[in-house]
PDB file of all heavy atoms in Angstrom:
ATOM      1  N   ARG A   1     305.245 316.165 198.042  1.00  0.00           N
ATOM      2  CA  ARG A   1     304.403 315.021 198.426  1.00  0.00           C
ATOM      3  C   ARG A   1     305.064 314.193 199.529  1.00  0.00           C
ATOM      4  O   ARG A   1     304.415 313.767 200.478  1.00  0.00           O
ATOM      5  CB  ARG A   1     304.100 314.156 197.204  1.00  0.00           C
ATOM      6  CG  ARG A   1     302.932 314.656 196.379  1.00  0.00           C
ATOM      7  CD  ARG A   1     302.450 313.597 195.388  1.00  0.00           C
ATOM      8  NE  ARG A   1     303.049 313.668 194.071  1.00  0.00           N
ATOM      9  CZ  ARG A   1     302.719 314.548 193.140  1.00  0.00           C
ATOM     10  NH1 ARG A   1     301.819 315.459 193.370  1.00  0.00           N
ATOM     11  NH2 ARG A   1     303.296 314.523 191.959  1.00  0.00           N
ATOM     12  N   ALA A   2     306.361 313.967 199.391  1.00  0.00           N
ATOM     13  CA  ALA A   2     307.089 313.193 200.407  1.00  0.00           C
ATOM     14  C   ALA A   2     307.081 313.912 201.754  1.00  0.00           C
ATOM     15  O   ALA A   2     306.929 313.270 202.809  1.00  0.00           O
ATOM     16  CB  ALA A   2     308.523 312.933 199.951  1.00  0.00           C
ATOM     17  N   LEU A   3     307.211 315.226 201.737  1.00  0.00           N
ATOM     18  CA  LEU A   3     307.187 315.988 202.991  1.00  0.00           C
ATOM     19  C   LEU A   3     305.804 315.950 203.631  1.00  0.00           C
ATOM     20  O   LEU A   3     305.679 315.872 204.858  1.00  0.00           O
ATOM     21  CB  LEU A   3     307.645 317.425 202.743  1.00  0.00           C
ATOM     22  CG  LEU A   3     309.103 317.583 202.299  1.00  0.00           C
ATOM     23  CD1 LEU A   3     309.383 319.030 201.919  1.00  0.00           C
ATOM     24  CD2 LEU A   3     310.068 317.080 203.362  1.00  0.00           C
ATOM     25  N   VAL A   4     304.760 315.995 202.813  1.00  0.00           N
ATOM     26  CA  VAL A   4     303.389 315.906 203.330  1.00  0.00           C
ATOM     27  C   VAL A   4     303.149 314.533 203.948  1.00  0.00           C
ATOM     28  O   VAL A   4     302.569 314.425 205.038  1.00  0.00           O
ATOM     29  CB  VAL A   4     302.356 316.232 202.229  1.00  0.00           C
ATOM     30  CG1 VAL A   4     300.947 315.870 202.666  1.00  0.00           C
ATOM     31  CG2 VAL A   4     302.440 317.708 201.845  1.00  0.00           C
ATOM     32  N   VAL A   5     303.620 313.484 203.295  1.00  0.00           N
ATOM     33  CA  VAL A   5     303.478 312.127 203.847  1.00  0.00           C
ATOM     34  C   VAL A   5     304.205 312.038 205.188  1.00  0.00           C
ATOM     35  O   VAL A   5     303.676 311.511 206.168  1.00  0.00           O
ATOM     36  CB  VAL A   5     304.007 311.070 202.855  1.00  0.00           C
ATOM     37  CG1 VAL A   5     304.189 309.708 203.531  1.00  0.00           C
ATOM     38  CG2 VAL A   5     303.076 310.954 201.661  1.00  0.00           C
ATOM     39  N   ARG A   6     305.414 312.572 205.248  1.00  0.00           N
ATOM     40  CA  ARG A   6     306.168 312.540 206.503  1.00  0.00           C
ATOM     41  C   ARG A   6     305.434 313.312 207.594  1.00  0.00           C
ATOM     42  O   ARG A   6     305.355 312.872 208.737  1.00  0.00           O
ATOM     43  CB  ARG A   6     307.568 313.112 206.300  1.00  0.00           C
ATOM     44  CG  ARG A   6     308.434 312.849 207.536  1.00  0.00           C
ATOM     45  CD  ARG A   6     309.774 313.494 207.539  1.00  0.00           C
ATOM     46  NE  ARG A   6     310.576 313.281 206.352  1.00  0.00           N
ATOM     47  CZ  ARG A   6     311.760 313.854 206.177  1.00  0.00           C
ATOM     48  NH1 ARG A   6     312.260 314.661 207.099  1.00  0.00           N
ATOM     49  NH2 ARG A   6     312.453 313.632 205.084  1.00  0.00           N
ATOM     50  N   ALA A   7     304.872 314.469 207.237  1.00  0.00           N
ATOM     51  CA  ALA A   7     304.120 315.269 208.212  1.00  0.00           C
ATOM     52  C   ALA A   7     302.932 314.475 208.762  1.00  0.00           C
ATOM     53  O   ALA A   7     302.686 314.467 209.969  1.00  0.00           O
ATOM     54  CB  ALA A   7     303.649 316.574 207.576  1.00  0.00           C
ATOM     55  N   ARG A   8     302.221 313.807 207.870  1.00  0.00           N
ATOM     56  CA  ARG A   8     301.092 312.973 208.315  1.00  0.00           C
ATOM     57  C   ARG A   8     301.571 311.845 209.220  1.00  0.00           C
ATOM     58  O   ARG A   8     300.948 311.553 210.239  1.00  0.00           O
ATOM     59  CB  ARG A   8     300.335 312.422 207.117  1.00  0.00           C
ATOM     60  CG  ARG A   8     299.472 313.430 206.432  1.00  0.00           C
ATOM     61  CD  ARG A   8     298.555 312.784 205.376  1.00  0.00           C
ATOM     62  NE  ARG A   8     297.664 313.768 204.843  1.00  0.00           N
ATOM     63  CZ  ARG A   8     297.665 314.189 203.587  1.00  0.00           C
ATOM     64  NH1 ARG A   8     298.504 313.674 202.707  1.00  0.00           N
ATOM     65  NH2 ARG A   8     296.823 315.113 203.192  1.00  0.00           N
ATOM     66  N   ASP A   9     302.670 311.199 208.842  1.00  0.00           N
ATOM     67  CA  ASP A   9     303.222 310.114 209.655  1.00  0.00           C
ATOM     68  C   ASP A   9     303.594 310.592 211.058  1.00  0.00           C
ATOM     69  O   ASP A   9     303.521 309.830 212.017  1.00  0.00           O
ATOM     70  CB  ASP A   9     304.459 309.502 208.989  1.00  0.00           C
ATOM     71  CG  ASP A   9     304.141 308.667 207.763  1.00  0.00           C
ATOM     72  OD1 ASP A   9     302.943 308.345 207.534  1.00  0.00           O
ATOM     73  OD2 ASP A   9     305.085 308.333 207.021  1.00  0.00           O
ATOM     74  N   LEU A  10     303.992 311.841 211.165  1.00  0.00           N
ATOM     75  CA  LEU A  10     304.356 312.415 212.461  1.00  0.00           C
ATOM     76  C   LEU A  10     303.143 312.913 213.250  1.00  0.00           C
ATOM     77  O   LEU A  10     303.291 313.393 214.373  1.00  0.00           O
ATOM     78  CB  LEU A  10     305.352 313.568 212.260  1.00  0.00           C
ATOM     79  CG  LEU A  10     306.743 313.141 211.796  1.00  0.00           C
ATOM     80  CD1 LEU A  10     307.554 314.359 211.374  1.00  0.00           C
ATOM     81  CD2 LEU A  10     307.452 312.364 212.898  1.00  0.00           C
ATOM     82  N   GLY A  11     301.963 312.835 212.652  1.00  0.00           N
ATOM     83  CA  GLY A  11     300.757 313.266 213.330  1.00  0.00           C
ATOM     84  C   GLY A  11     300.470 314.751 213.237  1.00  0.00           C
ATOM     85  O   GLY A  11     299.615 315.264 213.965  1.00  0.00           O
ATOM     86  N   LEU A  12     301.154 315.441 212.337  1.00  0.00           N
ATOM     87  CA  LEU A  12     300.874 316.868 212.163  1.00  0.00           C
ATOM     88  C   LEU A  12     299.520 317.030 211.486  1.00  0.00           C
ATOM     89  O   LEU A  12     299.098 316.183 210.704  1.00  0.00           O
ATOM     90  CB  LEU A  12     301.966 317.536 211.330  1.00  0.00           C
ATOM     91  CG  LEU A  12     303.380 317.466 211.890  1.00  0.00           C
ATOM     92  CD1 LEU A  12     304.347 318.204 210.973  1.00  0.00           C
ATOM     93  CD2 LEU A  12     303.455 318.024 213.302  1.00  0.00           C
ATOM     94  N   ARG A  13     298.859 318.127 211.794  1.00  0.00           N
ATOM     95  CA  ARG A  13     297.560 318.409 211.183  1.00  0.00           C
ATOM     96  C   ARG A  13     297.599 319.601 210.242  1.00  0.00           C
ATOM     97  O   ARG A  13     296.669 319.817 209.471  1.00  0.00           O
ATOM     98  CB  ARG A  13     296.515 318.638 212.277  1.00  0.00           C
ATOM     99  CG  ARG A  13     296.222 317.378 213.078  1.00  0.00           C
ATOM    100  CD  ARG A  13     295.039 317.553 213.994  1.00  0.00           C
ATOM    101  NE  ARG A  13     295.213 318.678 214.877  1.00  0.00           N
ATOM    102  CZ  ARG A  13     295.410 318.589 216.184  1.00  0.00           C
ATOM    103  NH1 ARG A  13     295.443 317.431 216.771  1.00  0.00           N
ATOM    104  NH2 ARG A  13     295.558 319.666 216.911  1.00  0.00           N
ATOM    105  N   ARG A  14     298.692 320.384 210.309  1.00  0.00           N
ATOM    106  CA  ARG A  14     298.801 321.562 209.449  1.00  0.00           C
ATOM    107  C   ARG A  14     300.249 321.756 209.017  1.00  0.00           C
ATOM    108  O   ARG A  14     301.161 321.477 209.783  1.00  0.00           O
ATOM    109  CB  ARG A  14     298.325 322.813 210.192  1.00  0.00           C
ATOM    110  CG  ARG A  14     296.870 322.734 210.594  1.00  0.00           C
ATOM    111  CD  ARG A  14     296.428 323.906 211.442  1.00  0.00           C
ATOM    112  NE  ARG A  14     297.205 323.943 212.669  1.00  0.00           N
ATOM    113  CZ  ARG A  14     297.337 325.020 213.428  1.00  0.00           C
ATOM    114  NH1 ARG A  14     296.733 326.136 213.101  1.00  0.00           N
ATOM    115  NH2 ARG A  14     298.051 324.983 214.533  1.00  0.00           N
ATOM    116  N   LEU A  15     300.396 322.271 207.794  1.00  0.00           N
ATOM    117  CA  LEU A  15     301.714 322.610 207.270  1.00  0.00           C
ATOM    118  C   LEU A  15     301.691 324.052 206.790  1.00  0.00           C
ATOM    119  O   LEU A  15     300.798 324.457 206.055  1.00  0.00           O
ATOM    120  CB  LEU A  15     302.086 321.713 206.085  1.00  0.00           C
ATOM    121  CG  LEU A  15     302.694 320.367 206.388  1.00  0.00           C
ATOM    122  CD1 LEU A  15     302.984 319.630 205.077  1.00  0.00           C
ATOM    123  CD2 LEU A  15     303.957 320.507 207.199  1.00  0.00           C
ATOM    124  N   PHE A  16     302.696 324.786 207.173  1.00  0.00           N
ATOM    125  CA  PHE A  16     302.868 326.185 206.815  1.00  0.00           C
ATOM    126  C   PHE A  16     303.969 326.292 205.772  1.00  0.00           C
ATOM    127  O   PHE A  16     304.900 325.494 205.743  1.00  0.00           O
ATOM    128  CB  PHE A  16     303.272 326.965 208.080  1.00  0.00           C
ATOM    129  CG  PHE A  16     303.773 328.358 207.828  1.00  0.00           C
ATOM    130  CD1 PHE A  16     302.900 329.378 207.490  1.00  0.00           C
ATOM    131  CD2 PHE A  16     305.127 328.654 207.943  1.00  0.00           C
ATOM    132  CE1 PHE A  16     303.360 330.673 207.265  1.00  0.00           C
ATOM    133  CE2 PHE A  16     305.596 329.942 207.720  1.00  0.00           C
ATOM    134  CZ  PHE A  16     304.710 330.946 207.390  1.00  0.00           C
ATOM    135  N   CYS A  17     303.870 327.295 204.914  1.00  0.00           N
ATOM    136  CA  CYS A  17     304.989 327.664 204.054  1.00  0.00           C
ATOM    137  C   CYS A  17     304.941 329.163 203.818  1.00  0.00           C
ATOM    138  O   CYS A  17     303.883 329.789 203.887  1.00  0.00           O
ATOM    139  CB  CYS A  17     304.993 326.902 202.732  1.00  0.00           C
ATOM    140  SG  CYS A  17     303.690 327.389 201.593  1.00  0.00           S
ATOM    141  N   LEU A  18     306.094 329.734 203.588  1.00  0.00           N
ATOM    142  CA  LEU A  18     306.250 331.134 203.203  1.00  0.00           C
ATOM    143  C   LEU A  18     306.861 331.092 201.818  1.00  0.00           C
ATOM    144  O   LEU A  18     307.962 330.567 201.638  1.00  0.00           O
ATOM    145  CB  LEU A  18     307.183 331.848 204.188  1.00  0.00           C
ATOM    146  CG  LEU A  18     307.454 333.315 203.894  1.00  0.00           C
ATOM    147  CD1 LEU A  18     306.212 334.154 204.153  1.00  0.00           C
ATOM    148  CD2 LEU A  18     308.610 333.815 204.752  1.00  0.00           C
ATOM    149  N   THR A  19     306.143 331.605 200.827  1.00  0.00           N
ATOM    150  CA  THR A  19     306.569 331.336 199.462  1.00  0.00           C
ATOM    151  C   THR A  19     306.223 332.439 198.470  1.00  0.00           C
ATOM    152  O   THR A  19     305.278 333.191 198.675  1.00  0.00           O
ATOM    153  CB  THR A  19     305.941 330.008 198.968  1.00  0.00           C
ATOM    154  OG1 THR A  19     306.484 329.679 197.699  1.00  0.00           O
ATOM    155  CG2 THR A  19     304.433 330.097 198.877  1.00  0.00           C
ATOM    156  N   PHE A  20     307.006 332.476 197.401  1.00  0.00           N
ATOM    157  CA  PHE A  20     306.665 333.256 196.218  1.00  0.00           C
ATOM    158  C   PHE A  20     305.913 332.376 195.227  1.00  0.00           C
ATOM    159  O   PHE A  20     305.315 332.868 194.288  1.00  0.00           O
ATOM    160  CB  PHE A  20     307.937 333.774 195.525  1.00  0.00           C
ATOM    161  CG  PHE A  20     308.654 334.863 196.274  1.00  0.00           C
ATOM    162  CD1 PHE A  20     309.779 334.566 197.030  1.00  0.00           C
ATOM    163  CD2 PHE A  20     308.218 336.168 196.216  1.00  0.00           C
ATOM    164  CE1 PHE A  20     310.456 335.563 197.714  1.00  0.00           C
ATOM    165  CE2 PHE A  20     308.880 337.173 196.895  1.00  0.00           C
ATOM    166  CZ  PHE A  20     310.006 336.868 197.649  1.00  0.00           C
ATOM    167  N   GLU A  21     305.983 331.066 195.409  1.00  0.00           N
ATOM    168  CA  GLU A  21     305.412 330.090 194.467  1.00  0.00           C
ATOM    169  C   GLU A  21     303.990 329.706 194.882  1.00  0.00           C
ATOM    170  O   GLU A  21     303.686 328.540 195.154  1.00  0.00           O
ATOM    171  CB  GLU A  21     306.313 328.854 194.395  1.00  0.00           C
ATOM    172  CG  GLU A  21     307.745 329.145 194.006  1.00  0.00           C
ATOM    173  CD  GLU A  21     307.897 329.777 192.627  1.00  0.00           C
ATOM    174  OE1 GLU A  21     307.029 329.544 191.759  1.00  0.00           O
ATOM    175  OE2 GLU A  21     308.885 330.503 192.424  1.00  0.00           O
ATOM    176  N   VAL A  22     303.109 330.684 194.902  1.00  0.00           N
ATOM    177  CA  VAL A  22     301.741 330.501 195.394  1.00  0.00           C
ATOM    178  C   VAL A  22     300.995 329.443 194.582  1.00  0.00           C
ATOM    179  O   VAL A  22     300.350 328.554 195.152  1.00  0.00           O
ATOM    180  CB  VAL A  22     300.981 331.846 195.389  1.00  0.00           C
ATOM    181  CG1 VAL A  22     299.520 331.657 195.764  1.00  0.00           C
ATOM    182  CG2 VAL A  22     301.661 332.824 196.342  1.00  0.00           C
ATOM    183  N   ASP A  23     301.069 329.504 193.267  1.00  0.00           N
ATOM    184  CA  ASP A  23     300.336 328.551 192.432  1.00  0.00           C
ATOM    185  C   ASP A  23     300.804 327.115 192.681  1.00  0.00           C
ATOM    186  O   ASP A  23     299.994 326.194 192.758  1.00  0.00           O
ATOM    187  CB  ASP A  23     300.470 328.896 190.951  1.00  0.00           C
ATOM    188  CG  ASP A  23     299.766 330.202 190.591  1.00  0.00           C
ATOM    189  OD1 ASP A  23     298.889 330.647 191.368  1.00  0.00           O
ATOM    190  OD2 ASP A  23     300.095 330.775 189.540  1.00  0.00           O
ATOM    191  N   PHE A  24     302.113 326.926 192.804  1.00  0.00           N
ATOM    192  CA  PHE A  24     302.660 325.598 193.057  1.00  0.00           C
ATOM    193  C   PHE A  24     302.089 325.018 194.350  1.00  0.00           C
ATOM    194  O   PHE A  24     301.597 323.888 194.387  1.00  0.00           O
ATOM    195  CB  PHE A  24     304.192 325.660 193.130  1.00  0.00           C
ATOM    196  CG  PHE A  24     304.827 324.377 193.585  1.00  0.00           C
ATOM    197  CD1 PHE A  24     305.054 323.348 192.691  1.00  0.00           C
ATOM    198  CD2 PHE A  24     305.201 324.202 194.906  1.00  0.00           C
ATOM    199  CE1 PHE A  24     305.647 322.159 193.105  1.00  0.00           C
ATOM    200  CE2 PHE A  24     305.787 323.016 195.336  1.00  0.00           C
ATOM    201  CZ  PHE A  24     306.005 321.991 194.430  1.00  0.00           C
ATOM    202  N   PHE A  25     302.142 325.787 195.416  1.00  0.00           N
ATOM    203  CA  PHE A  25     301.647 325.280 196.703  1.00  0.00           C
ATOM    204  C   PHE A  25     300.127 325.143 196.697  1.00  0.00           C
ATOM    205  O   PHE A  25     299.584 324.213 197.286  1.00  0.00           O
ATOM    206  CB  PHE A  25     302.141 326.149 197.863  1.00  0.00           C
ATOM    207  CG  PHE A  25     303.566 325.846 198.237  1.00  0.00           C
ATOM    208  CD1 PHE A  25     304.610 326.586 197.720  1.00  0.00           C
ATOM    209  CD2 PHE A  25     303.864 324.801 199.089  1.00  0.00           C
ATOM    210  CE1 PHE A  25     305.931 326.299 198.047  1.00  0.00           C
ATOM    211  CE2 PHE A  25     305.175 324.488 199.431  1.00  0.00           C
ATOM    212  CZ  PHE A  25     306.214 325.246 198.909  1.00  0.00           C
ATOM    213  N   ALA A  26     299.434 326.036 196.004  1.00  0.00           N
ATOM    214  CA  ALA A  26     297.973 325.933 195.901  1.00  0.00           C
ATOM    215  C   ALA A  26     297.568 324.627 195.217  1.00  0.00           C
ATOM    216  O   ALA A  26     296.561 324.017 195.593  1.00  0.00           O
ATOM    217  CB  ALA A  26     297.403 327.136 195.165  1.00  0.00           C
ATOM    218  N   GLU A  27     298.356 324.177 194.231  1.00  0.00           N
ATOM    219  CA  GLU A  27     298.082 322.895 193.577  1.00  0.00           C
ATOM    220  C   GLU A  27     298.082 321.731 194.558  1.00  0.00           C
ATOM    221  O   GLU A  27     297.468 320.705 194.308  1.00  0.00           O
ATOM    222  CB  GLU A  27     299.138 322.599 192.497  1.00  0.00           C
ATOM    223  CG  GLU A  27     299.017 323.410 191.247  1.00  0.00           C
ATOM    224  CD  GLU A  27     300.124 323.042 190.256  1.00  0.00           C
ATOM    225  OE1 GLU A  27     300.388 321.831 190.072  1.00  0.00           O
ATOM    226  OE2 GLU A  27     300.719 323.977 189.686  1.00  0.00           O
ATOM    227  N   HIS A  28     298.764 321.915 195.669  1.00  0.00           N
ATOM    228  CA  HIS A  28     298.865 320.870 196.691  1.00  0.00           C
ATOM    229  C   HIS A  28     297.947 321.133 197.883  1.00  0.00           C
ATOM    230  O   HIS A  28     298.074 320.480 198.914  1.00  0.00           O
ATOM    231  CB  HIS A  28     300.317 320.741 197.149  1.00  0.00           C
ATOM    232  CG  HIS A  28     301.202 320.199 196.068  1.00  0.00           C
ATOM    233  ND1 HIS A  28     301.409 318.859 195.866  1.00  0.00           N
ATOM    234  CD2 HIS A  28     301.904 320.830 195.092  1.00  0.00           C
ATOM    235  CE1 HIS A  28     302.201 318.685 194.832  1.00  0.00           C
ATOM    236  NE2 HIS A  28     302.509 319.865 194.338  1.00  0.00           N
TER     237      HIS A  28
END
């Protein structure tokens, strides 16, 4: 959540991740 807030503060519109934890990231 903190990283998403920081991304928004920086004006980013998209966030990428490469993960094995698909369900965790899908929850977000």
